[in-house]
C-alpha atoms as a PDB file:
ATOM      1  CA  UNK A   1      -9.592 -31.298  -8.651  1.00  0.00           C
ATOM      2  CA  UNK A   2     -10.441 -31.561  -5.099  1.00  0.00           C
ATOM      3  CA  UNK A   3     -14.136 -31.765  -4.277  1.00  0.00           C
ATOM      4  CA  UNK A   4     -16.030 -28.770  -3.575  1.00  0.00           C
ATOM      5  CA  UNK A   5     -16.763 -28.174  -0.056  1.00  0.00           C
ATOM      6  CA  UNK A   6     -20.037 -27.381  -0.649  1.00  0.00           C
ATOM      7  CA  UNK A   7     -21.770 -28.942  -3.905  1.00  0.00           C
ATOM      8  CA  UNK A   8     -25.830 -28.345  -4.025  1.00  0.00           C
ATOM      9  CA  UNK A   9     -27.606 -29.533  -7.186  1.00  0.00           C
ATOM     10  CA  UNK A  10     -31.151 -29.210  -8.518  1.00  0.00           C
ATOM     11  CA  UNK A  11     -32.069 -28.324  -4.706  1.00  0.00           C
ATOM     12  CA  UNK A  12     -35.868 -27.492  -4.701  1.00  0.00           C
ATOM     13  CA  UNK A  13     -38.226 -27.000  -1.265  1.00  0.00           C
ATOM     14  CA  UNK A  14     -41.884 -26.677  -1.789  1.00  0.00           C
ATOM     15  CA  UNK A  15     -44.112 -25.793   1.365  1.00  0.00           C
ATOM     16  CA  UNK A  16     -47.223 -27.749   2.392  1.00  0.00           C
ATOM     17  CA  UNK A  17     -49.095 -24.811   0.720  1.00  0.00           C
ATOM     18  CA  UNK A  18     -47.700 -25.059  -2.275  1.00  0.00           C
ATOM     19  CA  UNK A  19     -45.170 -22.606  -2.492  1.00  0.00           C
ATOM     20  CA  UNK A  20     -41.791 -22.885  -4.296  1.00  0.00           C
ATOM     21  CA  UNK A  21     -39.299 -21.887  -2.048  1.00  0.00           C
ATOM     22  CA  UNK A  22     -36.276 -23.041  -3.847  1.00  0.00           C
ATOM     23  CA  UNK A  23     -36.496 -23.837  -7.480  1.00  0.00           C
ATOM     24  CA  UNK A  24     -34.004 -26.180  -7.907  1.00  0.00           C
ATOM     25  CA  UNK A  25     -30.644 -24.307  -7.272  1.00  0.00           C
ATOM     26  CA  UNK A  26     -27.154 -25.048  -7.956  1.00  0.00           C
ATOM     27  CA  UNK A  27     -24.419 -23.898  -6.297  1.00  0.00           C
ATOM     28  CA  UNK A  28     -20.709 -24.998  -5.854  1.00  0.00           C
ATOM     29  CA  UNK A  29     -18.225 -23.266  -2.996  1.00  0.00           C
ATOM     30  CA  UNK A  30     -14.595 -24.211  -3.479  1.00  0.00           C
ATOM     31  CA  UNK A  31     -12.354 -25.882  -0.626  1.00  0.00           C
ATOM     32  CA  UNK A  32     -10.309 -22.718   0.987  1.00  0.00           C
ATOM     33  CA  UNK A  33     -13.083 -20.251  -0.218  1.00  0.00           C
ATOM     34  CA  UNK A  34     -14.210 -17.109   1.679  1.00  0.00           C
ATOM     35  CA  UNK A  35     -17.830 -16.842   0.114  1.00  0.00           C
ATOM     36  CA  UNK A  36     -20.781 -14.962   0.742  1.00  0.00           C
ATOM     37  CA  UNK A  37     -24.218 -16.014  -0.076  1.00  0.00           C
ATOM     38  CA  UNK A  38     -26.801 -12.946  -0.104  1.00  0.00           C
ATOM     39  CA  UNK A  39     -30.429 -11.883  -1.048  1.00  0.00           C
ATOM     40  CA  UNK A  40     -32.698 -10.423   0.728  1.00  0.00           C
ATOM     41  CA  UNK A  41     -35.200 -11.429   3.387  1.00  0.00           C
ATOM     42  CA  UNK A  42     -37.219 -14.362   2.181  1.00  0.00           C
ATOM     43  CA  UNK A  43     -35.005 -14.835  -0.888  1.00  0.00           C
ATOM     44  CA  UNK A  44     -33.734 -18.697   0.046  1.00  0.00           C
ATOM     45  CA  UNK A  45     -30.781 -17.867   2.142  1.00  0.00           C
ATOM     46  CA  UNK A  46     -32.062 -19.662   5.345  1.00  0.00           C
ATOM     47  CA  UNK A  47     -34.273 -22.544   3.187  1.00  0.00           C
ATOM     48  CA  UNK A  48     -30.857 -23.336   1.554  1.00  0.00           C
ATOM     49  CA  UNK A  49     -28.893 -23.125   5.013  1.00  0.00           C
ATOM     50  CA  UNK A  50     -31.253 -25.097   6.823  1.00  0.00           C
ATOM     51  CA  UNK A  51     -31.247 -28.347   4.083  1.00  0.00           C
ATOM     52  CA  UNK A  52     -27.518 -28.247   4.530  1.00  0.00           C
ATOM     53  CA  UNK A  53     -27.700 -28.778   7.997  1.00  0.00           C
ATOM     54  CA  UNK A  54     -30.546 -30.609   7.897  1.00  0.00           C
ATOM     55  CA  UNK A  55     -32.855 -28.849   9.995  1.00  0.00           C
ATOM     56  CA  UNK A  56     -35.392 -28.128   6.965  1.00  0.00           C
ATOM     57  CA  UNK A  57     -36.187 -31.376   4.691  1.00  0.00           C
ATOM     58  CA  UNK A  58     -35.885 -30.687   1.155  1.00  0.00           C
ATOM     59  CA  UNK A  59     -38.169 -31.814  -1.958  1.00  0.00           C
ATOM     60  CA  UNK A  60     -35.856 -32.660  -4.146  1.00  0.00           C
ATOM     61  CA  UNK A  61     -32.061 -32.378  -5.318  1.00  0.00           C
ATOM     62  CA  UNK A  62     -28.371 -33.495  -3.694  1.00  0.00           C
ATOM     63  CA  UNK A  63     -26.588 -31.550  -0.976  1.00  0.00           C
ATOM     64  CA  UNK A  64     -22.464 -32.740  -0.850  1.00  0.00           C
ATOM     65  CA  UNK A  65     -20.347 -31.618   1.676  1.00  0.00           C
ATOM     66  CA  UNK A  66     -16.581 -32.524   1.038  1.00  0.00           C
ATOM     67  CA  UNK A  67     -18.409 -34.921  -1.309  1.00  0.00           C
ATOM     68  CA  UNK A  68     -20.412 -37.322   1.777  1.00  0.00           C
ATOM     69  CA  UNK A  69     -23.754 -36.866   0.223  1.00  0.00           C
ATOM     70  CA  UNK A  70     -26.144 -35.408   3.399  1.00  0.00           C
ATOM     71  CA  UNK A  71     -28.707 -37.946   2.817  1.00  0.00           C
ATOM     72  CA  UNK A  72     -26.856 -40.978   2.612  1.00  0.00           C
ATOM     73  CA  UNK A  73     -24.214 -40.228   5.719  1.00  0.00           C
ATOM     74  CA  UNK A  74     -24.825 -37.291   7.315  1.00  0.00           C
ATOM     75  CA  UNK A  75     -23.100 -38.183  10.552  1.00  0.00           C
ATOM     76  CA  UNK A  76     -20.083 -37.921   9.035  1.00  0.00           C
ATOM     77  CA  UNK A  77     -20.856 -34.712   6.988  1.00  0.00           C
ATOM     78  CA  UNK A  78     -21.881 -32.573   9.806  1.00  0.00           C
ATOM     79  CA  UNK A  79     -18.582 -33.633  11.242  1.00  0.00           C
ATOM     80  CA  UNK A  80     -16.943 -31.670   8.595  1.00  0.00           C
ATOM     81  CA  UNK A  81     -19.286 -28.659   9.523  1.00  0.00           C
ATOM     82  CA  UNK A  82     -19.312 -25.907  12.052  1.00  0.00           C
ATOM     83  CA  UNK A  83     -22.563 -23.442  12.047  1.00  0.00           C
ATOM     84  CA  UNK A  84     -22.673 -19.786  14.005  1.00  0.00           C
ATOM     85  CA  UNK A  85     -26.720 -18.957  13.625  1.00  0.00           C
ATOM     86  CA  UNK A  86     -28.162 -15.620  13.800  1.00  0.00           C
ATOM     87  CA  UNK A  87     -29.861 -16.293  17.072  1.00  0.00           C
ATOM     88  CA  UNK A  88     -28.239 -17.329  20.784  1.00  0.00           C
ATOM     89  CA  UNK A  89     -29.124 -21.150  20.816  1.00  0.00           C
ATOM     90  CA  UNK A  90     -26.950 -21.878  24.146  1.00  0.00           C
ATOM     91  CA  UNK A  91     -27.989 -21.813  27.646  1.00  0.00           C
ATOM     92  CA  UNK A  92     -27.667 -18.717  29.183  1.00  0.00           C
ATOM     93  CA  UNK A  93     -26.835 -20.008  32.553  1.00  0.00           C
ATOM     94  CA  UNK A  94     -24.538 -22.157  31.592  1.00  0.00           C
ATOM     95  CA  UNK A  95     -20.690 -21.791  32.202  1.00  0.00           C
ATOM     96  CA  UNK A  96     -18.951 -20.174  29.178  1.00  0.00           C
ATOM     97  CA  UNK A  97     -16.201 -22.819  29.079  1.00  0.00           C
ATOM     98  CA  UNK A  98     -19.172 -25.351  29.353  1.00  0.00           C
ATOM     99  CA  UNK A  99     -20.688 -24.328  26.627  1.00  0.00           C
ATOM    100  CA  UNK A 100     -17.870 -25.111  24.408  1.00  0.00           C
ATOM    101  CA  UNK A 101     -16.861 -28.518  25.945  1.00  0.00           C
ATOM    102  CA  UNK A 102     -20.030 -29.681  25.913  1.00  0.00           C
ATOM    103  CA  UNK A 103     -20.345 -29.182  21.722  1.00  0.00           C
ATOM    104  CA  UNK A 104     -16.602 -30.846  21.775  1.00  0.00           C
ATOM    105  CA  UNK A 105     -18.478 -34.057  23.445  1.00  0.00           C
ATOM    106  CA  UNK A 106     -21.007 -33.669  20.704  1.00  0.00           C
ATOM    107  CA  UNK A 107     -18.402 -34.982  17.863  1.00  0.00           C
ATOM    108  CA  UNK A 108     -16.740 -37.346  20.313  1.00  0.00           C
ATOM    109  CA  UNK A 109     -13.659 -35.353  20.922  1.00  0.00           C
ATOM    110  CA  UNK A 110     -11.648 -36.911  23.904  1.00  0.00           C
ATOM    111  CA  UNK A 111     -11.244 -34.233  26.837  1.00  0.00           C
ATOM    112  CA  UNK A 112      -7.209 -34.526  26.489  1.00  0.00           C
ATOM    113  CA  UNK A 113      -7.937 -32.870  23.382  1.00  0.00           C
ATOM    114  CA  UNK A 114     -10.952 -30.492  23.614  1.00  0.00           C
ATOM    115  CA  UNK A 115      -9.550 -28.667  26.806  1.00  0.00           C
ATOM    116  CA  UNK A 116      -6.421 -27.356  25.240  1.00  0.00           C
ATOM    117  CA  UNK A 117      -8.633 -26.467  22.346  1.00  0.00           C
ATOM    118  CA  UNK A 118     -10.803 -24.722  23.886  1.00  0.00           C
ATOM    119  CA  UNK A 119      -8.428 -22.812  25.890  1.00  0.00           C
ATOM    120  CA  UNK A 120      -6.924 -21.594  22.446  1.00  0.00           C
ATOM    121  CA  UNK A 121     -10.494 -20.594  21.462  1.00  0.00           C
ATOM    122  CA  UNK A 122     -11.346 -18.495  23.996  1.00  0.00           C
ATOM    123  CA  UNK A 123      -7.945 -16.892  24.170  1.00  0.00           C
ATOM    124  CA  UNK A 124      -8.368 -16.434  20.376  1.00  0.00           C
ATOM    125  CA  UNK A 125     -11.440 -14.585  20.889  1.00  0.00           C
ATOM    126  CA  UNK A 126     -10.953 -12.356  23.694  1.00  0.00           C
ATOM    127  CA  UNK A 127     -12.847 -14.571  25.984  1.00  0.00           C
ATOM    128  CA  UNK A 128     -10.645 -16.693  28.364  1.00  0.00           C
ATOM    129  CA  UNK A 129     -11.586 -14.442  31.342  1.00  0.00           C
ATOM    130  CA  UNK A 130     -14.505 -15.295  30.975  1.00  0.00           C
ATOM    131  CA  UNK A 131     -14.787 -18.696  31.014  1.00  0.00           C
ATOM    132  CA  UNK A 132     -16.082 -19.793  34.374  1.00  0.00           C
ATOM    133  CA  UNK A 133     -18.926 -16.653  34.120  1.00  0.00           C
ATOM    134  CA  UNK A 134     -22.054 -17.446  32.661  1.00  0.00           C
ATOM    135  CA  UNK A 135     -22.710 -16.933  29.455  1.00  0.00           C
ATOM    136  CA  UNK A 136     -26.013 -14.618  30.431  1.00  0.00           C
ATOM    137  CA  UNK A 137     -23.292 -12.255  31.750  1.00  0.00           C
ATOM    138  CA  UNK A 138     -21.419 -11.870  28.450  1.00  0.00           C
ATOM    139  CA  UNK A 139     -22.279  -8.801  26.522  1.00  0.00           C
ATOM    140  CA  UNK A 140     -23.617  -9.178  22.974  1.00  0.00           C
ATOM    141  CA  UNK A 141     -20.575  -9.018  20.869  1.00  0.00           C
ATOM    142  CA  UNK A 142     -19.106 -11.595  23.746  1.00  0.00           C
ATOM    143  CA  UNK A 143     -22.117 -14.227  23.233  1.00  0.00           C
ATOM    144  CA  UNK A 144     -21.100 -14.054  19.202  1.00  0.00           C
ATOM    145  CA  UNK A 145     -17.623 -14.831  19.463  1.00  0.00           C
ATOM    146  CA  UNK A 146     -18.972 -17.496  22.000  1.00  0.00           C
ATOM    147  CA  UNK A 147     -21.025 -18.868  19.404  1.00  0.00           C
ATOM    148  CA  UNK A 148     -17.987 -19.261  16.851  1.00  0.00           C
ATOM    149  CA  UNK A 149     -15.873 -20.553  19.299  1.00  0.00           C
ATOM    150  CA  UNK A 150     -18.541 -23.520  19.828  1.00  0.00           C
ATOM    151  CA  UNK A 151     -18.837 -23.798  16.101  1.00  0.00           C
ATOM    152  CA  UNK A 152     -15.151 -24.185  15.715  1.00  0.00           C
ATOM    153  CA  UNK A 153     -14.477 -26.604  18.477  1.00  0.00           C
ATOM    154  CA  UNK A 154     -14.080 -29.591  16.199  1.00  0.00           C
ATOM    155  CA  UNK A 155     -12.000 -28.241  13.275  1.00  0.00           C
ATOM    156  CA  UNK A 156     -14.743 -28.172  11.051  1.00  0.00           C
ATOM    157  CA  UNK A 157     -13.372 -27.898   7.588  1.00  0.00           C
ATOM    158  CA  UNK A 158     -16.810 -25.887   6.201  1.00  0.00           C
ATOM    159  CA  UNK A 159     -17.983 -22.887   8.601  1.00  0.00           C
ATOM    160  CA  UNK A 160     -21.642 -20.912   8.189  1.00  0.00           C
ATOM    161  CA  UNK A 161     -22.061 -17.802   9.432  1.00  0.00           C
ATOM    162  CA  UNK A 162     -25.140 -16.864   9.177  1.00  0.00           C
ATOM    163  CA  UNK A 163     -25.580 -12.723  10.273  1.00  0.00           C
ATOM    164  CA  UNK A 164     -22.425 -13.029  12.483  1.00  0.00           C
ATOM    165  CA  UNK A 165     -22.098  -9.792  13.496  1.00  0.00           C
ATOM    166  CA  UNK A 166     -25.727  -8.341  13.408  1.00  0.00           C
ATOM    167  CA  UNK A 167     -25.553  -5.662  16.651  1.00  0.00           C
ATOM    168  CA  UNK A 168     -21.737  -5.869  17.186  1.00  0.00           C
ATOM    169  CA  UNK A 169     -20.099  -2.551  17.337  1.00  0.00           C
ATOM    170  CA  UNK A 170     -17.724  -1.548  14.595  1.00  0.00           C
ATOM    171  CA  UNK A 171     -14.573  -2.537  16.598  1.00  0.00           C
ATOM    172  CA  UNK A 172     -15.718  -5.520  17.799  1.00  0.00           C
ATOM    173  CA  UNK A 173     -16.731  -6.475  14.050  1.00  0.00           C
ATOM    174  CA  UNK A 174     -13.851  -5.605  12.891  1.00  0.00           C
ATOM    175  CA  UNK A 175     -11.609  -7.826  14.891  1.00  0.00           C
ATOM    176  CA  UNK A 176     -14.492 -10.392  13.898  1.00  0.00           C
ATOM    177  CA  UNK A 177     -13.372 -10.114  10.573  1.00  0.00           C
ATOM    178  CA  UNK A 178      -9.809 -10.192  11.346  1.00  0.00           C
ATOM    179  CA  UNK A 179     -10.076 -13.791  12.752  1.00  0.00           C
ATOM    180  CA  UNK A 180     -12.397 -15.136  10.176  1.00  0.00           C
ATOM    181  CA  UNK A 181      -9.634 -13.935   7.520  1.00  0.00           C
ATOM    182  CA  UNK A 182      -7.066 -15.784   9.885  1.00  0.00           C
ATOM    183  CA  UNK A 183      -8.813 -18.964   9.819  1.00  0.00           C
ATOM    184  CA  UNK A 184      -9.700 -18.826   6.280  1.00  0.00           C
ATOM    185  CA  UNK A 185      -6.067 -18.179   4.606  1.00  0.00           C
ATOM    186  CA  UNK A 186      -3.879 -20.191   8.065  1.00  0.00           C
ATOM    187  CA  UNK A 187      -5.970 -22.797   8.575  1.00  0.00           C
ATOM    188  CA  UNK A 188      -7.684 -23.372   5.377  1.00  0.00           C
ATOM    189  CA  UNK A 189     -11.324 -23.296   6.825  1.00  0.00           C
ATOM    190  CA  UNK A 190     -13.979 -23.084   4.296  1.00  0.00           C
ATOM    191  CA  UNK A 191     -16.378 -20.320   5.086  1.00  0.00           C
ATOM    192  CA  UNK A 192     -20.224 -19.221   3.685  1.00  0.00           C
ATOM    193  CA  UNK A 193     -20.848 -16.019   5.043  1.00  0.00           C
ATOM    194  CA  UNK A 194     -24.468 -14.524   5.239  1.00  0.00           C
ATOM    195  CA  UNK A 195     -25.008 -10.778   5.819  1.00  0.00           C
ATOM    196  CA  UNK A 196     -26.922  -7.909   5.894  1.00  0.00           C
ATOM    197  CA  UNK A 197     -23.589  -5.392   6.024  1.00  0.00           C
ATOM    198  CA  UNK A 198     -22.775  -5.806   2.261  1.00  0.00           C
ATOM    199  CA  UNK A 199     -19.450  -4.075   2.749  1.00  0.00           C
ATOM    200  CA  UNK A 200     -18.366  -7.167   5.137  1.00  0.00           C
ATOM    201  CA  UNK A 201     -18.695  -9.476   1.967  1.00  0.00           C
ATOM    202  CA  UNK A 202     -16.943  -7.044  -0.610  1.00  0.00           C
ATOM    203  CA  UNK A 203     -14.262  -6.758   2.049  1.00  0.00           C
ATOM    204  CA  UNK A 204     -14.067 -10.590   3.403  1.00  0.00           C
ATOM    205  CA  UNK A 205     -14.953 -12.551   0.206  1.00  0.00           C
ATOM    206  CA  UNK A 206     -13.900 -13.550  -2.691  1.00  0.00           C
ATOM    207  CA  UNK A 207     -16.806 -15.456  -4.279  1.00  0.00           C
ATOM    208  CA  UNK A 208     -20.058 -14.293  -4.414  1.00  0.00           C
ATOM    209  CA  UNK A 209     -23.827 -15.627  -5.338  1.00  0.00           C
ATOM    210  CA  UNK A 210     -26.832 -13.800  -4.837  1.00  0.00           C
ATOM    211  CA  UNK A 211     -30.293 -15.893  -4.654  1.00  0.00           C
ATOM    212  CA  UNK A 212     -34.075 -13.932  -4.703  1.00  0.00           C
ATOM    213  CA  UNK A 213     -37.311 -15.613  -5.387  1.00  0.00           C
ATOM    214  CA  UNK A 214     -35.716 -19.073  -4.714  1.00  0.00           C
ATOM    215  CA  UNK A 215     -33.167 -18.810  -7.671  1.00  0.00           C
ATOM    216  CA  UNK A 216     -29.727 -18.041  -8.131  1.00  0.00           C
ATOM    217  CA  UNK A 217     -29.446 -14.657  -9.697  1.00  0.00           C
ATOM    218  CA  UNK A 218     -25.564 -14.666  -9.925  1.00  0.00           C
ATOM    219  CA  UNK A 219     -22.883 -16.312  -8.917  1.00  0.00           C
ATOM    220  CA  UNK A 220     -19.194 -15.078  -9.793  1.00  0.00           C
ATOM    221  CA  UNK A 221     -16.755 -13.357  -8.187  1.00  0.00           C
ATOM    222  CA  UNK A 222     -16.283 -10.225  -5.901  1.00  0.00           C
ATOM    223  CA  UNK A 223     -14.267  -8.539  -8.580  1.00  0.00           C
ATOM    224  CA  UNK A 224     -16.358  -9.467 -11.512  1.00  0.00           C
ATOM    225  CA  UNK A 225     -19.378  -8.533  -9.659  1.00  0.00           C
ATOM    226  CA  UNK A 226     -18.027  -4.482  -9.109  1.00  0.00           C
ATOM    227  CA  UNK A 227     -16.840  -4.562 -12.737  1.00  0.00           C
ATOM    228  CA  UNK A 228     -20.520  -4.611 -13.599  1.00  0.00           C
ATOM    229  CA  UNK A 229     -21.457  -1.356 -11.583  1.00  0.00           C
ATOM    230  CA  UNK A 230     -22.101   0.570 -14.689  1.00  0.00           C
ATOM    231  CA  UNK A 231     -22.645   3.768 -12.194  1.00  0.00           C
ATOM    232  CA  UNK A 232     -20.854   4.892  -9.487  1.00  0.00           C
ATOM    233  CA  UNK A 233     -22.126   7.756  -7.070  1.00  0.00           C
ATOM    234  CA  UNK A 234     -19.783  10.010  -5.363  1.00  0.00           C
ATOM    235  CA  UNK A 235     -20.589  12.644  -2.698  1.00  0.00           C
ATOM    236  CA  UNK A 236     -18.429  15.933  -3.007  1.00  0.00           C
ATOM    237  CA  UNK A 237     -17.623  18.367   0.088  1.00  0.00           C
ATOM    238  CA  UNK A 238     -17.218  21.249  -1.010  1.00  0.00           C
ATOM    239  CA  UNK A 239     -14.759  24.532  -0.254  1.00  0.00           C
ATOM    240  CA  UNK A 240     -17.362  27.035  -0.264  1.00  0.00           C
ATOM    241  CA  UNK A 241     -21.496  26.649  -0.479  1.00  0.00           C
ATOM    242  CA  UNK A 242     -23.152  26.609  -3.433  1.00  0.00           C
ATOM    243  CA  UNK A 243     -26.921  27.761  -4.818  1.00  0.00           C
ATOM    244  CA  UNK A 244     -27.628  26.367  -7.657  1.00  0.00           C
ATOM    245  CA  UNK A 245     -26.406  22.899  -9.547  1.00  0.00           C
ATOM    246  CA  UNK A 246     -23.483  23.302 -11.695  1.00  0.00           C
ATOM    247  CA  UNK A 247     -23.536  21.758 -14.701  1.00  0.00           C
ATOM    248  CA  UNK A 248     -21.092  19.029 -15.571  1.00  0.00           C
ATOM    249  CA  UNK A 249     -21.023  18.231 -19.347  1.00  0.00           C
ATOM    250  CA  UNK A 250     -21.133  13.868 -19.606  1.00  0.00           C
ATOM    251  CA  UNK A 251     -21.869  13.581 -15.795  1.00  0.00           C
ATOM    252  CA  UNK A 252     -25.439  13.798 -13.413  1.00  0.00           C
ATOM    253  CA  UNK A 253     -24.946  16.439 -10.853  1.00  0.00           C
ATOM    254  CA  UNK A 254     -27.244  16.594  -7.680  1.00  0.00           C
ATOM    255  CA  UNK A 255     -27.655  19.051  -5.116  1.00  0.00           C
ATOM    256  CA  UNK A 256     -27.609  17.324  -1.544  1.00  0.00           C
ATOM    257  CA  UNK A 257     -26.863  20.934   0.489  1.00  0.00           C
ATOM    258  CA  UNK A 258     -24.959  24.188   0.004  1.00  0.00           C
ATOM    259  CA  UNK A 259     -21.653  22.374   0.699  1.00  0.00           C
ATOM    260  CA  UNK A 260     -21.871  18.980  -1.009  1.00  0.00           C
ATOM    261  CA  UNK A 261     -22.806  17.840  -4.386  1.00  0.00           C
ATOM    262  CA  UNK A 262     -23.625  13.908  -5.724  1.00  0.00           C
ATOM    263  CA  UNK A 263     -21.557  13.099  -8.819  1.00  0.00           C
ATOM    264  CA  UNK A 264     -22.527  10.057 -10.955  1.00  0.00           C
ATOM    265  CA  UNK A 265     -20.015   8.506 -12.879  1.00  0.00           C
ATOM    266  CA  UNK A 266     -20.847   6.106 -15.651  1.00  0.00           C
ATOM    267  CA  UNK A 267     -18.275   3.469 -16.605  1.00  0.00           C
ATOM    268  CA  UNK A 268     -15.780   4.858 -18.560  1.00  0.00           C
ATOM    269  CA  UNK A 269     -15.740   8.255 -17.900  1.00  0.00           C
ATOM    270  CA  UNK A 270     -13.028  10.222 -16.862  1.00  0.00           C
ATOM    271  CA  UNK A 271     -13.356  11.544 -13.093  1.00  0.00           C
ATOM    272  CA  UNK A 272     -10.828  14.097 -13.546  1.00  0.00           C
ATOM    273  CA  UNK A 273     -12.341  15.599 -16.513  1.00  0.00           C
ATOM    274  CA  UNK A 274     -15.716  16.021 -13.911  1.00  0.00           C
ATOM    275  CA  UNK A 275     -13.154  17.929 -11.096  1.00  0.00           C
ATOM    276  CA  UNK A 276     -11.778  20.077 -14.248  1.00  0.00           C
ATOM    277  CA  UNK A 277     -14.973  21.107 -15.228  1.00  0.00           C
ATOM    278  CA  UNK A 278     -16.522  22.033 -11.823  1.00  0.00           C
ATOM    279  CA  UNK A 279     -13.003  23.968 -11.294  1.00  0.00           C
ATOM    280  CA  UNK A 280     -13.925  26.188 -14.145  1.00  0.00           C
ATOM    281  CA  UNK A 281     -17.016  26.852 -12.898  1.00  0.00           C
ATOM    282  CA  UNK A 282     -15.449  27.671  -9.449  1.00  0.00           C
ATOM    283  CA  UNK A 283     -16.677  24.909  -7.734  1.00  0.00           C
ATOM    284  CA  UNK A 284     -13.765  23.557  -5.344  1.00  0.00           C
ATOM    285  CA  UNK A 285     -13.990  19.857  -3.912  1.00  0.00           C
ATOM    286  CA  UNK A 286     -12.276  19.657  -0.934  1.00  0.00           C
ATOM    287  CA  UNK A 287     -13.261  15.639  -0.256  1.00  0.00           C
ATOM    288  CA  UNK A 288     -14.948  12.222  -1.966  1.00  0.00           C
ATOM    289  CA  UNK A 289     -16.500   9.430  -0.690  1.00  0.00           C
ATOM    290  CA  UNK A 290     -18.621   6.776  -2.100  1.00  0.00           C
ATOM    291  CA  UNK A 291     -22.306   7.356  -1.387  1.00  0.00           C
ATOM    292  CA  UNK A 292     -23.173   4.163  -1.296  1.00  0.00           C
ATOM    293  CA  UNK A 293     -21.357   0.613  -0.781  1.00  0.00           C
ATOM    294  CA  UNK A 294     -20.830  -0.768  -4.558  1.00  0.00           C
ATOM    295  CA  UNK A 295     -22.005  -3.971  -3.794  1.00  0.00           C
ATOM    296  CA  UNK A 296     -25.326  -2.724  -2.389  1.00  0.00           C
ATOM    297  CA  UNK A 297     -25.863  -0.905  -5.221  1.00  0.00           C
ATOM    298  CA  UNK A 298     -25.374  -3.928  -7.655  1.00  0.00           C
ATOM    299  CA  UNK A 299     -27.259  -6.134  -4.826  1.00  0.00           C
ATOM    300  CA  UNK A 300     -30.609  -3.521  -4.660  1.00  0.00           C
ATOM    301  CA  UNK A 301     -30.511  -3.554  -8.558  1.00  0.00           C
ATOM    302  CA  UNK A 302     -30.994  -7.722  -8.658  1.00  0.00           C
ATOM    303  CA  UNK A 303     -33.309  -8.222  -5.944  1.00  0.00           C
ATOM    304  CA  UNK A 304     -35.844  -4.857  -6.202  1.00  0.00           C
ATOM    305  CA  UNK A 305     -38.719  -7.063  -7.354  1.00  0.00           C
ATOM    306  CA  UNK A 306     -41.511  -7.867  -4.971  1.00  0.00           C
ATOM    307  CA  UNK A 307     -40.773 -11.447  -3.423  1.00  0.00           C
ATOM    308  CA  UNK A 308     -43.378 -13.277  -1.850  1.00  0.00           C
ATOM    309  CA  UNK A 309     -41.203 -15.794  -0.350  1.00  0.00           C
ATOM    310  CA  UNK A 310     -40.778 -13.733   2.567  1.00  0.00           C
ATOM    311  CA  UNK A 311     -43.436 -15.327   5.205  1.00  0.00           C
ATOM    312  CA  UNK A 312     -42.354 -18.624   4.505  1.00  0.00           C
ATOM    313  CA  UNK A 313     -38.240 -18.002   4.427  1.00  0.00           C
ATOM    314  CA  UNK A 314     -38.651 -16.369   8.058  1.00  0.00           C
ATOM    315  CA  UNK A 315     -40.810 -19.168   9.266  1.00  0.00           C
ATOM    316  CA  UNK A 316     -37.948 -21.477   7.833  1.00  0.00           C
ATOM    317  CA  UNK A 317     -35.357 -19.084   9.508  1.00  0.00           C
ATOM    318  CA  UNK A 318     -36.975 -19.210  12.836  1.00  0.00           C
ATOM    319  CA  UNK A 319     -37.499 -22.784  12.715  1.00  0.00           C
ATOM    320  CA  UNK A 320     -33.285 -23.279  12.103  1.00  0.00           C
ATOM    321  CA  UNK A 321     -32.849 -20.612  15.289  1.00  0.00           C
ATOM    322  CA  UNK A 322     -34.144 -22.654  17.912  1.00  0.00           C
ATOM    323  CA  UNK A 323     -32.736 -25.569  17.449  1.00  0.00           C
ATOM    324  CA  UNK A 324     -29.387 -26.522  18.383  1.00  0.00           C
ATOM    325  CA  UNK A 325     -27.153 -26.510  15.731  1.00  0.00           C
ATOM    326  CA  UNK A 326     -25.229 -29.464  16.647  1.00  0.00           C
ATOM    327  CA  UNK A 327     -28.604 -31.665  17.336  1.00  0.00           C
END
């Protein structure tokens, strides 16, 4: 079997005050996977990624990138790794093209190889016309795409995306989704995504790990995770207003307003039976939609306990964001 793109064993991080931010986690990300690492603020995501990138010192455990132990040969492991941090960490006054080419230089790419690679990335990401301008002139969404281009210049086999679409409008977000899918499917780039837009994880990723309070509380496929959702809530838009909540045997109904109801459906229930009962009571449904993202409902249920790690992992995130990913 091929080595995992990322293999973590017994990873522990204890801060100076004795707080255990990571409690011996194990995690594998297969080659070619599109993997989601989710968790509330302070759960341990940033500490984990900081250790993988060698920006946070671990207390114990082992991390391998394509079989290369980062403690034994991080320089070689790093060549396989591309990182897109949440915060912008490039010179705002440097030219767009120069930012990419400088990053290529960090990895020893000759200019005759870096130039065409840079051109292709900037064209693919809609930045070619901006190549000669200062980065500070780019919109927020364009700066996000610039960081993706910078992370991909040396053709990494593993790409870490830390909140890559934060603050990006929906149109740009969707175009970035499509690009991420393409490099994963066509180029075989393994991708690890952290995001607070849970619909991104459901739409893009095949497998998922949820971390909470320094422990992996779930590690499975998106498909399997969604089968664990016992109850799904739908918003029903009505043709005519109703004054009272209709009784629907076997289902829970909530009155949102005169023309909208919330219908909770347990796993195994027949949704058509609910519609039949509503119709018999003179309630006509004209449209329906999910009340909340299914993955979000599961995520909240798994991570709803108080998290004392919040301050520690936030500090870890800040230390990661202020450093250059290629350093």
